[in-house]
Amino acid sequence: MTYKVVFSPEAENDLLELYLYIAEQAGDARALAYVERLERYCKGFEEFPERGTSRDDLFPGLRIVGFEHRVSIAFHVNADTVTFDRILYGGRDLESLADDT
């Protein structure tokens, strides 16, 4: 079965902020390459979505997976969809974001 992959508005904003941060530090080309690699990684969840660690303690059905040692990706899987909820770069704390909701 192939799952549909979607990014929440918050995850899309996280990607934009990540791009802007890297572009400022290392240039547009490097930022674009990094974000494209990250998006390709996420698209790979179409085939195998049940990855990462379950974090039902934060939200029911929430899963967390890392990317290249610097990014934590929060997502959940429904019957036919993988939704990326947040993409947190460089130590941003998912638990503190959960406390804000």
N, C-alpha and C. Protein backbone atom coordinates (compact mmCIF):
# COMPACT_ATOMS: atom_id res chain seq x y z
N MET A 1 0.83 -1.18 0.00
CA MET A 1 0.00 0.00 0.00
C MET A 1 0.89 1.25 0.00
N THR A 2 0.50 2.23 -0.76
CA THR A 2 1.20 3.51 -0.80
C THR A 2 0.38 4.54 -0.03
N TYR A 3 1.04 5.22 0.89
CA TYR A 3 0.39 6.24 1.70
C TYR A 3 0.58 7.61 1.05
N LYS A 4 -0.38 8.47 1.27
CA LYS A 4 -0.25 9.87 0.85
C LYS A 4 0.57 10.60 1.91
N VAL A 5 1.55 11.40 1.50
CA VAL A 5 2.37 12.18 2.42
C VAL A 5 1.93 13.64 2.35
N VAL A 6 1.63 14.22 3.52
CA VAL A 6 1.25 15.63 3.59
C VAL A 6 2.02 16.32 4.71
N PHE A 7 2.21 17.61 4.55
CA PHE A 7 2.87 18.44 5.55
C PHE A 7 1.82 19.39 6.14
N SER A 8 1.75 19.43 7.45
CA SER A 8 0.85 20.38 8.11
C SER A 8 1.35 21.79 7.81
N PRO A 9 0.50 22.80 7.99
CA PRO A 9 0.98 24.18 7.83
C PRO A 9 2.16 24.50 8.74
N GLU A 10 2.18 23.95 9.95
CA GLU A 10 3.29 24.16 10.88
C GLU A 10 4.58 23.54 10.34
N ALA A 11 4.48 22.34 9.78
CA ALA A 11 5.66 21.68 9.21
C ALA A 11 6.17 22.44 7.99
N GLU A 12 5.25 22.95 7.16
CA GLU A 12 5.67 23.75 6.01
C GLU A 12 6.40 25.01 6.48
N ASN A 13 5.89 25.63 7.53
CA ASN A 13 6.55 26.81 8.09
C ASN A 13 7.92 26.43 8.67
N ASP A 14 8.00 25.27 9.33
CA ASP A 14 9.29 24.80 9.85
C ASP A 14 10.31 24.65 8.72
N LEU A 15 9.88 24.09 7.58
CA LEU A 15 10.78 23.93 6.44
C LEU A 15 11.25 25.29 5.91
N LEU A 16 10.33 26.24 5.83
CA LEU A 16 10.71 27.58 5.37
C LEU A 16 11.70 28.23 6.32
N GLU A 17 11.43 28.15 7.63
CA GLU A 17 12.35 28.72 8.61
C GLU A 17 13.71 28.04 8.56
N LEU A 18 13.71 26.74 8.37
CA LEU A 18 14.97 26.00 8.26
C LEU A 18 15.75 26.47 7.02
N TYR A 19 15.06 26.59 5.90
CA TYR A 19 15.71 27.09 4.69
C TYR A 19 16.32 28.47 4.93
N LEU A 20 15.54 29.38 5.51
CA LEU A 20 16.03 30.74 5.73
C LEU A 20 17.24 30.76 6.66
N TYR A 21 17.21 29.93 7.69
CA TYR A 21 18.33 29.87 8.63
C TYR A 21 19.60 29.39 7.94
N ILE A 22 19.48 28.28 7.21
CA ILE A 22 20.66 27.72 6.55
C ILE A 22 21.15 28.67 5.47
N ALA A 23 20.25 29.30 4.73
CA ALA A 23 20.64 30.24 3.68
C ALA A 23 21.44 31.40 4.27
N GLU A 24 21.03 31.87 5.41
CA GLU A 24 21.75 32.97 6.06
C GLU A 24 23.14 32.53 6.50
N GLN A 25 23.24 31.29 6.98
CA GLN A 25 24.52 30.78 7.50
C GLN A 25 25.45 30.28 6.42
N ALA A 26 24.87 29.65 5.37
CA ALA A 26 25.72 28.93 4.42
C ALA A 26 25.36 29.15 2.95
N GLY A 27 24.38 29.97 2.67
CA GLY A 27 24.01 30.27 1.29
C GLY A 27 22.78 29.54 0.81
N ASP A 28 22.18 30.11 -0.23
CA ASP A 28 20.93 29.58 -0.77
C ASP A 28 21.06 28.17 -1.32
N ALA A 29 22.14 27.90 -2.04
CA ALA A 29 22.31 26.58 -2.67
C ALA A 29 22.37 25.48 -1.62
N ARG A 30 23.13 25.70 -0.57
CA ARG A 30 23.25 24.69 0.48
C ARG A 30 21.91 24.52 1.21
N ALA A 31 21.21 25.62 1.45
CA ALA A 31 19.91 25.54 2.13
C ALA A 31 18.91 24.77 1.29
N LEU A 32 18.86 25.07 0.00
CA LEU A 32 17.94 24.37 -0.88
C LEU A 32 18.25 22.88 -0.95
N ALA A 33 19.52 22.54 -1.06
CA ALA A 33 19.91 21.13 -1.12
C ALA A 33 19.50 20.39 0.15
N TYR A 34 19.70 21.02 1.31
CA TYR A 34 19.36 20.37 2.57
C TYR A 34 17.85 20.15 2.68
N VAL A 35 17.08 21.18 2.38
CA VAL A 35 15.62 21.06 2.49
C VAL A 35 15.09 20.05 1.48
N GLU A 36 15.64 20.02 0.29
CA GLU A 36 15.21 19.02 -0.70
C GLU A 36 15.52 17.60 -0.23
N ARG A 37 16.69 17.39 0.39
CA ARG A 37 17.01 16.05 0.95
C ARG A 37 16.01 15.68 2.03
N LEU A 38 15.69 16.61 2.88
CA LEU A 38 14.72 16.38 3.95
C LEU A 38 13.34 16.05 3.39
N GLU A 39 12.91 16.78 2.38
CA GLU A 39 11.61 16.49 1.76
C GLU A 39 11.60 15.12 1.09
N ARG A 40 12.70 14.75 0.41
CA ARG A 40 12.79 13.41 -0.20
C ARG A 40 12.70 12.32 0.86
N TYR A 41 13.38 12.54 1.98
CA TYR A 41 13.32 11.58 3.09
C TYR A 41 11.87 11.40 3.54
N CYS A 42 11.17 12.50 3.71
CA CYS A 42 9.77 12.44 4.14
C CYS A 42 8.90 11.74 3.10
N LYS A 43 9.14 12.00 1.82
CA LYS A 43 8.37 11.33 0.76
C LYS A 43 8.56 9.82 0.80
N GLY A 44 9.69 9.36 1.32
CA GLY A 44 9.95 7.93 1.44
C GLY A 44 9.00 7.22 2.40
N PHE A 45 8.27 7.98 3.19
CA PHE A 45 7.30 7.40 4.11
C PHE A 45 6.05 6.92 3.38
N GLU A 46 5.95 7.20 2.08
CA GLU A 46 4.83 6.68 1.28
C GLU A 46 4.78 5.16 1.34
N GLU A 47 5.93 4.53 1.38
CA GLU A 47 6.00 3.06 1.35
C GLU A 47 6.11 2.44 2.74
N PHE A 48 6.85 3.06 3.63
CA PHE A 48 7.09 2.50 4.96
C PHE A 48 6.88 3.57 6.03
N PRO A 49 5.64 3.83 6.42
CA PRO A 49 5.37 4.95 7.34
C PRO A 49 5.60 4.66 8.82
N GLU A 50 5.59 3.41 9.22
CA GLU A 50 5.68 3.09 10.64
C GLU A 50 7.13 3.06 11.10
N ARG A 51 7.77 4.22 11.11
CA ARG A 51 9.16 4.35 11.52
C ARG A 51 9.22 5.15 12.81
N GLY A 52 10.40 5.25 13.34
CA GLY A 52 10.62 6.13 14.47
C GLY A 52 10.11 5.57 15.78
N THR A 53 9.97 6.48 16.73
CA THR A 53 9.58 6.13 18.09
C THR A 53 8.18 6.65 18.38
N SER A 54 7.36 5.81 18.95
CA SER A 54 6.02 6.23 19.36
C SER A 54 6.11 7.20 20.53
N ARG A 55 5.37 8.29 20.46
CA ARG A 55 5.34 9.28 21.55
C ARG A 55 3.90 9.55 21.95
N ASP A 56 3.19 8.47 22.25
CA ASP A 56 1.81 8.60 22.71
C ASP A 56 1.70 9.41 23.99
N ASP A 57 2.82 9.55 24.72
CA ASP A 57 2.81 10.35 25.95
C ASP A 57 2.60 11.83 25.65
N LEU A 58 2.93 12.27 24.42
CA LEU A 58 2.72 13.67 24.04
C LEU A 58 1.38 13.85 23.33
N PHE A 59 1.12 12.99 22.36
CA PHE A 59 -0.14 12.99 21.62
C PHE A 59 -0.42 11.56 21.17
N PRO A 60 -1.66 11.11 21.22
CA PRO A 60 -1.97 9.77 20.73
C PRO A 60 -1.62 9.64 19.24
N GLY A 61 -0.85 8.61 18.91
CA GLY A 61 -0.47 8.33 17.53
C GLY A 61 0.75 9.08 17.04
N LEU A 62 1.33 9.93 17.86
CA LEU A 62 2.50 10.70 17.45
C LEU A 62 3.72 9.81 17.38
N ARG A 63 4.52 10.01 16.32
CA ARG A 63 5.78 9.29 16.16
C ARG A 63 6.86 10.33 15.88
N ILE A 64 8.10 10.01 16.30
CA ILE A 64 9.24 10.89 16.11
C ILE A 64 10.35 10.11 15.42
N VAL A 65 10.99 10.74 14.44
CA VAL A 65 12.13 10.14 13.76
C VAL A 65 13.16 11.25 13.53
N GLY A 66 14.41 10.87 13.53
CA GLY A 66 15.48 11.83 13.30
C GLY A 66 15.90 11.85 11.85
N PHE A 67 16.56 12.95 11.47
CA PHE A 67 17.11 13.10 10.13
C PHE A 67 18.48 13.75 10.23
N GLU A 68 19.50 13.05 9.75
CA GLU A 68 20.88 13.54 9.69
C GLU A 68 21.35 14.17 11.00
N HIS A 69 21.01 13.61 12.10
CA HIS A 69 21.49 13.98 13.43
C HIS A 69 21.13 15.39 13.89
N ARG A 70 20.41 16.16 13.08
CA ARG A 70 20.11 17.55 13.45
C ARG A 70 18.63 17.87 13.48
N VAL A 71 17.80 17.01 12.92
CA VAL A 71 16.38 17.31 12.78
C VAL A 71 15.55 16.22 13.45
N SER A 72 14.53 16.64 14.19
CA SER A 72 13.53 15.73 14.72
C SER A 72 12.24 15.99 13.96
N ILE A 73 11.65 14.91 13.46
CA ILE A 73 10.44 15.02 12.67
C ILE A 73 9.30 14.35 13.44
N ALA A 74 8.23 15.12 13.68
CA ALA A 74 7.05 14.60 14.36
C ALA A 74 5.96 14.35 13.32
N PHE A 75 5.36 13.17 13.37
CA PHE A 75 4.34 12.82 12.37
C PHE A 75 3.35 11.83 12.96
N HIS A 76 2.25 11.65 12.23
CA HIS A 76 1.29 10.61 12.61
C HIS A 76 0.79 9.94 11.33
N VAL A 77 0.32 8.71 11.49
CA VAL A 77 -0.13 7.89 10.37
C VAL A 77 -1.60 7.57 10.57
N ASN A 78 -2.38 7.84 9.53
CA ASN A 78 -3.79 7.43 9.52
C ASN A 78 -3.94 6.27 8.55
N ALA A 79 -5.17 5.92 8.21
CA ALA A 79 -5.43 4.76 7.37
C ALA A 79 -4.65 4.79 6.06
N ASP A 80 -4.55 5.96 5.42
CA ASP A 80 -3.86 6.03 4.13
C ASP A 80 -2.99 7.28 3.98
N THR A 81 -2.74 7.99 5.09
CA THR A 81 -2.01 9.25 5.03
C THR A 81 -0.95 9.32 6.12
N VAL A 82 0.22 9.84 5.75
CA VAL A 82 1.26 10.19 6.71
C VAL A 82 1.28 11.72 6.76
N THR A 83 1.02 12.27 7.95
CA THR A 83 1.02 13.72 8.11
C THR A 83 2.22 14.13 8.94
N PHE A 84 3.07 14.96 8.36
CA PHE A 84 4.21 15.51 9.09
C PHE A 84 3.72 16.75 9.83
N ASP A 85 3.79 16.67 11.16
CA ASP A 85 3.25 17.72 12.01
C ASP A 85 4.24 18.84 12.27
N ARG A 86 5.48 18.49 12.59
CA ARG A 86 6.53 19.47 12.88
C ARG A 86 7.86 18.93 12.40
N ILE A 87 8.75 19.85 12.00
CA ILE A 87 10.11 19.52 11.61
C ILE A 87 11.01 20.45 12.41
N LEU A 88 11.67 19.89 13.41
CA LEU A 88 12.39 20.69 14.41
C LEU A 88 13.88 20.54 14.23
N TYR A 89 14.55 21.66 14.02
CA TYR A 89 15.98 21.67 13.72
C TYR A 89 16.80 22.05 14.94
N GLY A 90 17.93 21.38 15.10
CA GLY A 90 18.96 21.79 16.03
C GLY A 90 18.55 21.90 17.47
N GLY A 91 17.87 20.90 17.99
CA GLY A 91 17.60 20.87 19.42
C GLY A 91 16.31 21.55 19.86
N ARG A 92 15.50 22.04 18.90
CA ARG A 92 14.20 22.58 19.32
C ARG A 92 13.44 21.48 20.03
N ASP A 93 12.75 21.83 21.06
CA ASP A 93 12.17 20.88 21.99
C ASP A 93 10.71 20.60 21.68
N LEU A 94 10.41 19.38 21.22
CA LEU A 94 9.05 18.99 20.90
C LEU A 94 8.15 19.02 22.13
N GLU A 95 8.69 18.61 23.27
CA GLU A 95 7.87 18.57 24.48
C GLU A 95 7.41 19.96 24.90
N SER A 96 8.24 20.97 24.75
CA SER A 96 7.79 22.32 25.09
C SER A 96 6.75 22.82 24.12
N LEU A 97 6.84 22.41 22.84
CA LEU A 97 5.81 22.77 21.88
C LEU A 97 4.49 22.09 22.23
N ALA A 98 4.56 20.86 22.72
CA ALA A 98 3.35 20.15 23.12
C ALA A 98 2.69 20.84 24.31
N ASP A 99 3.48 21.41 25.20
CA ASP A 99 2.93 22.11 26.35
C ASP A 99 2.16 23.36 25.96
N ASP A 100 2.48 23.93 24.77
CA ASP A 100 1.83 25.14 24.30
C ASP A 100 0.45 24.89 23.74
N THR A 101 0.10 23.64 23.46
CA THR A 101 -1.18 23.33 22.84
C THR A 101 -2.25 23.07 23.87
